[in-house]
Amino acid sequence: MHRTEACVPCIVKQTFGDGLVHQSEEVMTSQKGDQVNVLVYTAPVRNAEGQIKNVIEMSTNITQIRQLQSQLTSLGLVIGSISHGIKGLLTSLDGGVYLVNTGLAKNDRARFEQGWKMVERNITRIRRMVLDLLYYAKDRAPDLERIPALAIAEEVCEVMRGKAAEMGIDFRWEIDRNPGDFEADSKAIRSLLINLVENAIDACRVDKKKNAHQVRIGLKGYPDYIEFDVEDNGIGMDQEIRERAFSLFFSSKRGSGTGLGLFISNKIAQAHGGEIKIESELNRGTRMIVKLPRKVPASGTAATKA
């Protein structure tokens, strides 16, 4: 577990104390670096006098079970997050239909055209949201195209600086003005970066030990790859949390996170033949480094969930 202090809770210690069987779910890191979900059981081993001399610990690999659960769970989270937006679009669509109908009834062409434009615009938006929902719900290979790295970074900065300002967080960017383009699914990469920035903002929001917080987005272009990075001075992570950060449903934000954002971001990076590295220290902050190849290798286009 790479810990310098006792686990909380420590079910081995609990079994030594009360002599009962305990269980907990943990995320372990194998010797190959793979993360494994395990269900851990502890049971007492007693001597002839009934005293507890040892505790046996048994682990069951439940990684495949958790992977099977992920698709339906992520679908439910996405449905919940976009339901309000769909309701607003349907209301606006009703307004457009009303203008079309009254324009036809009154032979008012201007009114009809205004309503029809509203109908077309909202149908396009609803179509986009439904396609996004299917994108999240289904394992799929990235829809690759050549995209400018600078445009993606500027779009994410434009979207997220307002949210940072609402939280009183200083939002900065250090962007290479000529990083070039790279092969990627623009929608997936945008989702990846927004997830990382939102996570950084939340890490600052829950940090009560500092008077001022900041989030920084960086972008650099290299001959063979593009590198984005998102840095904050929020709560940070210890080594155990760093190793579990990309696990499904694991959140270090004290109950305020879904545990899905970093999991999805990591899957997107891997599907593009890239990776996300974490540099973090507890109570000091975190830096997420996203390294993406300029051309996705054939092995990097495996199905992903985004």
Protein backbone atom coordinates (compact mmCIF):
# COMPACT_ATOMS: atom_id res chain seq x y z
CA MET A 1 0.00 0.00 0.00
CA HIS A 2 3.07 2.27 0.15
CA ARG A 3 1.96 3.86 3.41
CA THR A 4 4.06 5.37 6.17
CA GLU A 5 1.17 5.22 8.63
CA ALA A 6 -1.51 2.68 9.53
CA CYS A 7 -4.40 2.10 7.13
CA VAL A 8 -7.71 3.67 8.15
CA PRO A 9 -9.50 1.49 8.88
CA CYS A 10 -7.06 -1.38 9.46
CA ILE A 11 -9.21 -4.52 9.42
CA VAL A 12 -6.29 -6.69 10.58
CA LYS A 13 -6.02 -4.56 13.70
CA GLN A 14 -9.79 -4.72 14.16
CA THR A 15 -9.75 -8.52 14.02
CA PHE A 16 -6.92 -8.67 16.57
CA GLY A 17 -9.00 -6.39 18.79
CA ASP A 18 -12.46 -7.96 18.62
CA GLY A 19 -11.81 -11.45 17.20
CA LEU A 20 -14.40 -10.95 14.46
CA VAL A 21 -14.26 -11.41 10.70
CA HIS A 22 -13.98 -8.09 8.83
CA GLN A 23 -14.01 -7.13 5.19
CA SER A 24 -13.18 -4.11 3.04
CA GLU A 25 -12.63 -3.27 -0.61
CA GLU A 26 -9.18 -2.04 -1.62
CA VAL A 27 -7.30 -1.07 -4.76
CA MET A 28 -3.89 -2.71 -4.99
CA THR A 29 -1.02 -2.14 -7.41
CA SER A 30 0.52 -5.27 -8.91
CA GLN A 31 4.24 -5.74 -9.56
CA LYS A 32 3.53 -4.90 -13.21
CA GLY A 33 1.92 -1.62 -12.19
CA ASP A 34 -1.65 -2.74 -12.91
CA GLN A 35 -4.40 -1.66 -10.53
CA VAL A 36 -6.47 -4.49 -9.09
CA ASN A 37 -9.75 -4.21 -7.18
CA VAL A 38 -9.81 -6.71 -4.33
CA LEU A 39 -12.26 -7.66 -1.61
CA VAL A 40 -10.23 -8.29 1.55
CA TYR A 41 -11.32 -10.52 4.43
CA THR A 42 -9.61 -10.98 7.79
CA ALA A 43 -10.24 -13.79 10.27
CA PRO A 44 -8.65 -14.68 13.63
CA VAL A 45 -6.40 -17.70 14.18
CA ARG A 46 -6.66 -18.90 17.78
CA ASN A 47 -4.53 -21.23 19.89
CA ALA A 48 -5.76 -24.08 22.06
CA GLU A 49 -6.68 -21.64 24.85
CA GLY A 50 -8.80 -19.54 22.50
CA GLN A 51 -6.36 -16.65 22.36
CA ILE A 52 -5.84 -14.82 19.05
CA LYS A 53 -2.26 -15.47 17.99
CA ASN A 54 -2.49 -14.52 14.31
CA VAL A 55 -4.85 -12.98 11.78
CA ILE A 56 -5.21 -14.41 8.30
CA GLU A 57 -5.93 -12.03 5.43
CA MET A 58 -7.56 -13.25 2.22
CA SER A 59 -8.16 -11.24 -0.96
CA THR A 60 -10.55 -11.90 -3.85
CA ASN A 61 -9.93 -10.22 -7.20
CA ILE A 62 -13.14 -8.39 -8.20
CA THR A 63 -11.63 -6.22 -10.94
CA GLN A 64 -13.83 -7.68 -13.70
CA ILE A 65 -16.97 -7.12 -11.61
CA ARG A 66 -16.08 -3.45 -11.16
CA GLN A 67 -15.37 -3.11 -14.88
CA LEU A 68 -18.77 -4.58 -15.71
CA GLN A 69 -20.45 -2.11 -13.36
CA SER A 70 -18.71 0.92 -14.82
CA GLN A 71 -20.72 1.27 -18.04
CA LEU A 72 -24.18 1.45 -16.43
CA THR A 73 -22.92 3.65 -13.62
CA SER A 74 -21.25 6.15 -15.92
CA LEU A 75 -24.38 6.22 -18.07
CA GLY A 76 -26.49 7.04 -15.01
CA LEU A 77 -24.15 9.85 -13.99
CA VAL A 78 -24.20 11.36 -17.45
CA ILE A 79 -27.99 11.18 -17.69
CA GLY A 80 -28.26 12.98 -14.37
CA SER A 81 -25.80 15.68 -15.35
CA ILE A 82 -27.43 16.54 -18.70
CA SER A 83 -31.11 16.09 -17.77
CA HIS A 84 -31.47 19.75 -16.77
CA GLY A 85 -29.93 20.87 -20.06
CA ILE A 86 -32.26 18.67 -22.12
CA LYS A 87 -35.27 20.05 -20.22
CA GLY A 88 -34.21 23.60 -21.09
CA LEU A 89 -33.74 22.71 -24.75
CA LEU A 90 -37.17 21.10 -24.93
CA THR A 91 -38.75 24.22 -23.43
CA SER A 92 -36.99 26.37 -26.01
CA LEU A 93 -38.08 23.94 -28.73
CA ASP A 94 -41.70 24.36 -27.61
CA GLY A 95 -41.26 28.13 -27.98
CA GLY A 96 -39.99 27.71 -31.52
CA VAL A 97 -42.90 25.43 -32.45
CA TYR A 98 -45.32 28.02 -31.04
CA LEU A 99 -43.80 30.75 -33.22
CA VAL A 100 -43.97 28.49 -36.30
CA ASN A 101 -47.64 27.65 -35.68
CA THR A 102 -48.72 31.21 -34.96
CA GLY A 103 -46.70 32.49 -37.92
CA LEU A 104 -48.50 30.08 -40.22
CA ALA A 105 -51.89 30.95 -38.71
CA LYS A 106 -51.30 34.71 -39.11
CA ASN A 107 -49.46 34.38 -42.44
CA ASP A 108 -46.55 36.15 -40.74
CA ARG A 109 -43.45 34.95 -42.59
CA ALA A 110 -40.99 36.76 -40.31
CA ARG A 111 -42.52 35.13 -37.24
CA PHE A 112 -42.50 31.75 -38.96
CA GLU A 113 -38.82 32.07 -39.95
CA GLN A 114 -37.86 33.17 -36.43
CA GLY A 115 -39.61 30.13 -34.94
CA TRP A 116 -38.17 27.74 -37.53
CA LYS A 117 -34.64 28.94 -36.77
CA MET A 118 -35.30 28.24 -33.08
CA VAL A 119 -36.56 24.77 -33.94
CA GLU A 120 -33.53 23.96 -36.09
CA ARG A 121 -31.08 25.32 -33.53
CA ASN A 122 -32.57 23.33 -30.65
CA ILE A 123 -32.91 20.13 -32.68
CA THR A 124 -29.19 20.43 -33.48
CA ARG A 125 -28.38 20.92 -29.80
CA ILE A 126 -30.54 18.00 -28.71
CA ARG A 127 -28.98 15.81 -31.39
CA ARG A 128 -25.51 16.74 -30.14
CA MET A 129 -26.44 15.95 -26.53
CA VAL A 130 -27.91 12.57 -27.49
CA LEU A 131 -24.78 11.70 -29.47
CA ASP A 132 -22.68 12.76 -26.48
CA LEU A 133 -24.76 10.48 -24.27
CA LEU A 134 -24.16 7.56 -26.61
CA TYR A 135 -20.47 8.44 -26.70
CA TYR A 136 -20.29 8.18 -22.92
CA ALA A 137 -22.40 5.05 -22.73
CA LYS A 138 -20.63 2.92 -25.31
CA ASP A 139 -17.10 1.61 -25.56
CA ARG A 140 -15.72 3.04 -28.76
CA ALA A 141 -12.52 3.82 -30.59
CA PRO A 142 -11.59 7.52 -30.87
CA ASP A 143 -12.92 9.42 -33.88
CA LEU A 144 -9.49 10.57 -35.03
CA GLU A 145 -8.68 13.73 -37.00
CA ARG A 146 -5.84 16.23 -37.16
CA ILE A 147 -6.60 18.96 -34.63
CA PRO A 148 -4.64 22.07 -33.56
CA ALA A 149 -3.43 21.70 -29.98
CA LEU A 150 -3.57 25.46 -29.40
CA ALA A 151 -7.28 25.65 -30.29
CA ILE A 152 -8.14 22.89 -27.83
CA ALA A 153 -6.16 24.55 -25.02
CA GLU A 154 -7.68 27.99 -25.67
CA GLU A 155 -11.20 26.55 -25.75
CA VAL A 156 -10.71 24.78 -22.40
CA CYS A 157 -9.24 27.96 -20.87
CA GLU A 158 -12.19 29.99 -22.13
CA VAL A 159 -14.69 27.51 -20.68
CA MET A 160 -13.03 27.03 -17.29
CA ARG A 161 -11.72 30.45 -16.29
CA GLY A 162 -15.22 31.62 -15.39
CA LYS A 163 -15.74 28.70 -13.03
CA ALA A 164 -12.38 29.36 -11.38
CA ALA A 165 -13.27 33.03 -10.95
CA GLU A 166 -16.54 32.09 -9.23
CA MET A 167 -14.50 30.14 -6.67
CA GLY A 168 -12.02 32.98 -6.16
CA ILE A 169 -9.23 30.92 -7.74
CA ASP A 170 -6.49 32.57 -9.77
CA PHE A 171 -6.59 30.99 -13.24
CA ARG A 172 -3.45 31.11 -15.40
CA TRP A 173 -2.14 29.55 -18.58
CA GLU A 174 1.32 29.07 -20.07
CA ILE A 175 0.70 28.03 -23.63
CA ASP A 176 3.13 27.47 -26.48
CA ARG A 177 1.74 29.65 -29.28
CA ASN A 178 2.91 27.26 -31.99
CA PRO A 179 2.60 23.70 -30.65
CA GLY A 180 1.35 22.30 -33.95
CA ASP A 181 -1.42 19.79 -34.47
CA PHE A 182 -1.88 16.16 -33.50
CA GLU A 183 -4.11 13.19 -34.26
CA ALA A 184 -6.94 12.89 -31.76
CA ASP A 185 -10.65 12.79 -31.03
CA SER A 186 -11.27 16.48 -30.30
CA LYS A 187 -14.38 15.84 -28.22
CA ALA A 188 -12.59 13.26 -26.08
CA ILE A 189 -9.49 15.41 -25.53
CA ARG A 190 -11.67 18.37 -24.60
CA SER A 191 -13.48 16.18 -22.06
CA LEU A 192 -10.15 14.91 -20.69
CA LEU A 193 -8.76 18.41 -20.11
CA ILE A 194 -11.98 19.81 -18.65
CA ASN A 195 -12.10 16.88 -16.22
CA LEU A 196 -8.55 17.63 -15.09
CA VAL A 197 -9.21 21.36 -14.66
CA GLU A 198 -12.45 20.74 -12.78
CA ASN A 199 -10.59 18.32 -10.52
CA ALA A 200 -7.90 20.95 -9.89
CA ILE A 201 -10.51 23.59 -9.06
CA ASP A 202 -12.24 21.20 -6.66
CA ALA A 203 -8.90 20.36 -5.01
CA CYS A 204 -8.45 24.07 -4.31
CA ARG A 205 -12.05 24.53 -3.19
CA VAL A 206 -11.85 21.88 -0.45
CA ASP A 207 -8.42 23.06 0.74
CA LYS A 208 -8.92 25.21 3.85
CA LYS A 209 -5.25 25.51 4.79
CA LYS A 210 -4.29 28.22 2.27
CA ASN A 211 -5.52 31.77 1.83
CA ALA A 212 -5.01 31.89 -1.94
CA HIS A 213 -5.31 29.24 -4.64
CA GLN A 214 -4.39 29.02 -8.27
CA VAL A 215 -4.84 26.67 -11.21
CA ARG A 216 -2.54 26.72 -14.23
CA ILE A 217 -2.90 25.11 -17.66
CA GLY A 218 0.21 24.48 -19.73
CA LEU A 219 0.79 23.36 -23.32
CA LYS A 220 4.03 22.50 -25.09
CA GLY A 221 4.76 20.96 -28.47
CA TYR A 222 7.56 18.44 -28.99
CA PRO A 223 8.69 16.67 -32.17
CA ASP A 224 6.80 13.45 -31.43
CA TYR A 225 4.16 14.43 -28.92
CA ILE A 226 1.99 17.14 -27.38
CA GLU A 227 2.11 17.78 -23.64
CA PHE A 228 -0.69 19.39 -21.67
CA ASP A 229 -0.41 19.89 -17.94
CA VAL A 230 -2.81 21.09 -15.26
CA GLU A 231 -1.37 22.28 -11.96
CA ASP A 232 -3.00 23.43 -8.72
CA ASN A 233 -1.96 24.26 -5.17
CA GLY A 234 -4.89 22.47 -3.55
CA ILE A 235 -5.06 19.56 -1.11
CA GLY A 236 -2.61 17.33 -2.99
CA MET A 237 -2.22 13.55 -2.71
CA ASP A 238 -0.03 11.11 -0.83
CA GLN A 239 1.43 8.06 -2.60
CA GLU A 240 -1.51 5.78 -1.83
CA ILE A 241 -4.00 8.28 -3.26
CA ARG A 242 -1.81 8.84 -6.32
CA GLU A 243 -1.83 5.11 -7.07
CA ARG A 244 -5.60 4.92 -6.70
CA ALA A 245 -6.41 8.19 -8.46
CA PHE A 246 -7.40 6.58 -11.77
CA SER A 247 -9.53 3.88 -10.17
CA LEU A 248 -13.24 3.90 -10.89
CA PHE A 249 -15.30 5.66 -8.19
CA PHE A 250 -12.25 6.63 -6.13
CA SER A 251 -12.30 10.29 -5.09
CA SER A 252 -9.94 12.19 -2.81
CA LYS A 253 -12.31 15.17 -2.53
CA ARG A 254 -13.80 14.19 0.81
CA GLY A 255 -17.06 12.83 -0.51
CA SER A 256 -17.76 15.66 -3.00
CA GLY A 257 -16.51 13.84 -6.11
CA THR A 258 -18.01 11.04 -8.17
CA GLY A 259 -14.71 9.22 -8.67
CA LEU A 260 -15.39 9.09 -12.41
CA GLY A 261 -13.55 12.10 -13.91
CA LEU A 262 -9.95 10.92 -13.57
CA PHE A 263 -10.93 7.37 -14.52
CA ILE A 264 -12.45 8.63 -17.79
CA SER A 265 -9.53 10.99 -18.46
CA ASN A 266 -7.03 8.19 -18.08
CA LYS A 267 -9.02 5.92 -20.41
CA ILE A 268 -9.11 8.66 -23.05
CA ALA A 269 -5.35 9.22 -22.83
CA GLN A 270 -4.66 5.49 -23.11
CA ALA A 271 -6.99 5.17 -26.12
CA HIS A 272 -4.86 7.80 -27.87
CA GLY A 273 -1.64 5.92 -27.11
CA GLY A 274 -0.78 8.48 -24.42
CA GLU A 275 -0.57 8.65 -20.66
CA ILE A 276 -1.25 10.86 -17.65
CA LYS A 277 1.39 11.22 -14.97
CA ILE A 278 0.74 12.59 -11.51
CA GLU A 279 3.15 14.76 -9.55
CA SER A 280 1.64 15.57 -6.19
CA GLU A 281 2.41 16.16 -2.55
CA LEU A 282 -0.12 16.17 0.26
CA ASN A 283 -1.19 19.70 1.28
CA ARG A 284 1.02 21.28 -1.40
CA GLY A 285 -0.75 20.61 -4.68
CA THR A 286 -0.92 18.46 -7.79
CA ARG A 287 0.35 18.55 -11.36
CA MET A 288 -1.27 16.33 -13.99
CA ILE A 289 0.90 15.83 -17.08
CA VAL A 290 -0.87 14.58 -20.22
CA LYS A 291 1.45 13.27 -22.93
CA LEU A 292 -0.22 12.49 -26.28
CA PRO A 293 1.57 11.32 -29.45
CA ARG A 294 1.21 13.41 -32.59
CA LYS A 295 0.07 10.26 -34.39
CA VAL A 296 -1.94 7.64 -32.56
CA PRO A 297 -0.29 4.20 -32.85
CA ALA A 298 -2.44 1.33 -34.07
CA SER A 299 -2.37 -0.23 -30.59
CA GLY A 300 -3.54 3.04 -29.04
CA THR A 301 -6.97 3.07 -30.67
CA ALA A 302 -8.48 0.47 -28.38
CA ALA A 303 -12.03 1.07 -27.22
CA THR A 304 -12.49 3.60 -24.49
CA LYS A 305 -15.23 5.15 -22.45
CA ALA A 306 -15.42 8.91 -22.61
